[in-house]
Amino acid sequence: MTFANVGYLLLGLIGTLLALMGLLSAVKGTPVCTVDALGGGPLPGVRDSAFRTGMELVTRAPLVPGHEVAIYSNGDETYP
């Protein structure tokens, strides 16, 4: 391989990486319209142990007795 071929290869890899980063940036805030359970079954209820496990996986935080949830509707309530 010549230096020109290596340069074109590196340029292509960098271009591909930048395109991928742009695509991921463009779709990162895409809202979710529906949530379906795997296999088409019903979603677990709040009192089901699968719900707690799912919430722990989504929030990346263990849920233990004593934790509480506060629902804020906008950033003004989050950062007064």
C-alpha atoms as a PDB file:
ATOM      1  CA  MET A   1       0.000   0.000   0.000  1.00  0.00           C
ATOM      2  CA  THR A   2       1.214   3.451  -0.792  1.00  0.00           C
ATOM      3  CA  PHE A   3       0.980   6.439   1.490  1.00  0.00           C
ATOM      4  CA  ALA A   4      -1.821   7.837  -0.670  1.00  0.00           C
ATOM      5  CA  ASN A   5      -3.910   4.667  -0.211  1.00  0.00           C
ATOM      6  CA  VAL A   6      -3.380   4.735   3.548  1.00  0.00           C
ATOM      7  CA  GLY A   7      -4.365   8.406   3.591  1.00  0.00           C
ATOM      8  CA  TYR A   8      -7.564   7.731   1.644  1.00  0.00           C
ATOM      9  CA  LEU A   9      -8.375   4.855   3.976  1.00  0.00           C
ATOM     10  CA  LEU A  10      -7.916   7.017   7.071  1.00  0.00           C
ATOM     11  CA  LEU A  11      -9.914   9.825   5.475  1.00  0.00           C
ATOM     12  CA  GLY A  12     -12.757   7.392   4.740  1.00  0.00           C
ATOM     13  CA  LEU A  13     -12.735   6.013   8.278  1.00  0.00           C
ATOM     14  CA  ILE A  14     -12.785   9.498   9.782  1.00  0.00           C
ATOM     15  CA  GLY A  15     -15.604  10.532   7.441  1.00  0.00           C
ATOM     16  CA  THR A  16     -17.618   7.457   8.354  1.00  0.00           C
ATOM     17  CA  LEU A  17     -17.088   8.103  12.053  1.00  0.00           C
ATOM     18  CA  LEU A  18     -18.213  11.722  11.732  1.00  0.00           C
ATOM     19  CA  ALA A  19     -21.289  10.689   9.732  1.00  0.00           C
ATOM     20  CA  LEU A  20     -22.211   8.141  12.392  1.00  0.00           C
ATOM     21  CA  MET A  21     -21.774  10.729  15.136  1.00  0.00           C
ATOM     22  CA  GLY A  22     -24.023  13.145  13.228  1.00  0.00           C
ATOM     23  CA  LEU A  23     -26.703  10.513  12.772  1.00  0.00           C
ATOM     24  CA  LEU A  24     -26.648   9.544  16.450  1.00  0.00           C
ATOM     25  CA  SER A  25     -26.843  13.206  17.446  1.00  0.00           C
ATOM     26  CA  ALA A  26     -29.831  13.753  15.151  1.00  0.00           C
ATOM     27  CA  VAL A  27     -31.899  10.888  16.591  1.00  0.00           C
ATOM     28  CA  LYS A  28     -30.972  11.047  20.277  1.00  0.00           C
ATOM     29  CA  GLY A  29     -34.037  13.028  21.320  1.00  0.00           C
ATOM     30  CA  THR A  30     -36.577  11.027  19.331  1.00  0.00           C
ATOM     31  CA  PRO A  31     -39.756  10.655  21.408  1.00  0.00           C
ATOM     32  CA  VAL A  32     -41.222   7.227  22.065  1.00  0.00           C
ATOM     33  CA  CYS A  33     -44.790   6.859  20.776  1.00  0.00           C
ATOM     34  CA  THR A  34     -45.647   3.444  22.225  1.00  0.00           C
ATOM     35  CA  VAL A  35     -44.133   0.853  24.526  1.00  0.00           C
ATOM     36  CA  ASP A  36     -44.827  -2.793  23.803  1.00  0.00           C
ATOM     37  CA  ALA A  37     -43.902  -5.838  25.859  1.00  0.00           C
ATOM     38  CA  LEU A  38     -41.655  -8.467  24.331  1.00  0.00           C
ATOM     39  CA  GLY A  39     -43.680 -11.250  22.785  1.00  0.00           C
ATOM     40  CA  GLY A  40     -46.790  -9.068  22.497  1.00  0.00           C
ATOM     41  CA  GLY A  41     -48.000  -9.803  26.025  1.00  0.00           C
ATOM     42  CA  PRO A  42     -49.321  -7.267  28.512  1.00  0.00           C
ATOM     43  CA  LEU A  43     -46.938  -4.853  30.229  1.00  0.00           C
ATOM     44  CA  PRO A  44     -46.177  -5.597  33.902  1.00  0.00           C
ATOM     45  CA  GLY A  45     -48.213  -3.693  36.452  1.00  0.00           C
ATOM     46  CA  VAL A  46     -46.648  -1.404  39.035  1.00  0.00           C
ATOM     47  CA  ARG A  47     -46.951  -4.040  41.752  1.00  0.00           C
ATOM     48  CA  ASP A  48     -45.288  -6.713  39.586  1.00  0.00           C
ATOM     49  CA  SER A  49     -41.633  -7.523  40.375  1.00  0.00           C
ATOM     50  CA  ALA A  50     -40.801  -7.277  36.650  1.00  0.00           C
ATOM     51  CA  PHE A  51     -41.822  -3.594  36.730  1.00  0.00           C
ATOM     52  CA  ARG A  52     -39.335  -2.838  39.484  1.00  0.00           C
ATOM     53  CA  THR A  53     -36.566  -4.714  37.666  1.00  0.00           C
ATOM     54  CA  GLY A  54     -37.345  -2.847  34.456  1.00  0.00           C
ATOM     55  CA  MET A  55     -37.263   0.536  36.186  1.00  0.00           C
ATOM     56  CA  GLU A  56     -33.932  -0.304  37.822  1.00  0.00           C
ATOM     57  CA  LEU A  57     -32.486  -1.169  34.412  1.00  0.00           C
ATOM     58  CA  VAL A  58     -33.842   1.990  32.763  1.00  0.00           C
ATOM     59  CA  THR A  59     -32.774   4.395  35.522  1.00  0.00           C
ATOM     60  CA  ARG A  60     -29.508   2.564  36.303  1.00  0.00           C
ATOM     61  CA  ALA A  61     -30.287   2.973  39.994  1.00  0.00           C
ATOM     62  CA  PRO A  62     -31.375   0.371  42.537  1.00  0.00           C
ATOM     63  CA  LEU A  63     -34.867   0.896  43.906  1.00  0.00           C
ATOM     64  CA  VAL A  64     -35.020   0.356  47.639  1.00  0.00           C
ATOM     65  CA  PRO A  65     -37.721   1.120  50.226  1.00  0.00           C
ATOM     66  CA  GLY A  66     -37.723   4.799  51.126  1.00  0.00           C
ATOM     67  CA  HIS A  67     -37.027   6.136  47.635  1.00  0.00           C
ATOM     68  CA  GLU A  68     -39.617   8.536  46.289  1.00  0.00           C
ATOM     69  CA  VAL A  69     -40.469   9.925  42.878  1.00  0.00           C
ATOM     70  CA  ALA A  70     -41.214  13.548  42.068  1.00  0.00           C
ATOM     71  CA  ILE A  71     -42.782  14.293  38.680  1.00  0.00           C
ATOM     72  CA  TYR A  72     -41.797  17.594  37.101  1.00  0.00           C
ATOM     73  CA  SER A  73     -43.470  18.867  33.955  1.00  0.00           C
ATOM     74  CA  ASN A  74     -40.723  21.211  32.749  1.00  0.00           C
ATOM     75  CA  GLY A  75     -37.219  22.494  33.440  1.00  0.00           C
ATOM     76  CA  ASP A  76     -38.491  25.412  35.521  1.00  0.00           C
ATOM     77  CA  GLU A  77     -39.616  22.983  38.200  1.00  0.00           C
ATOM     78  CA  THR A  78     -36.396  20.983  38.007  1.00  0.00           C
ATOM     79  CA  TYR A  79     -34.095  24.005  38.228  1.00  0.00           C
ATOM     80  CA  PRO A  80     -35.986  26.815  39.999  1.00  0.00           C
END
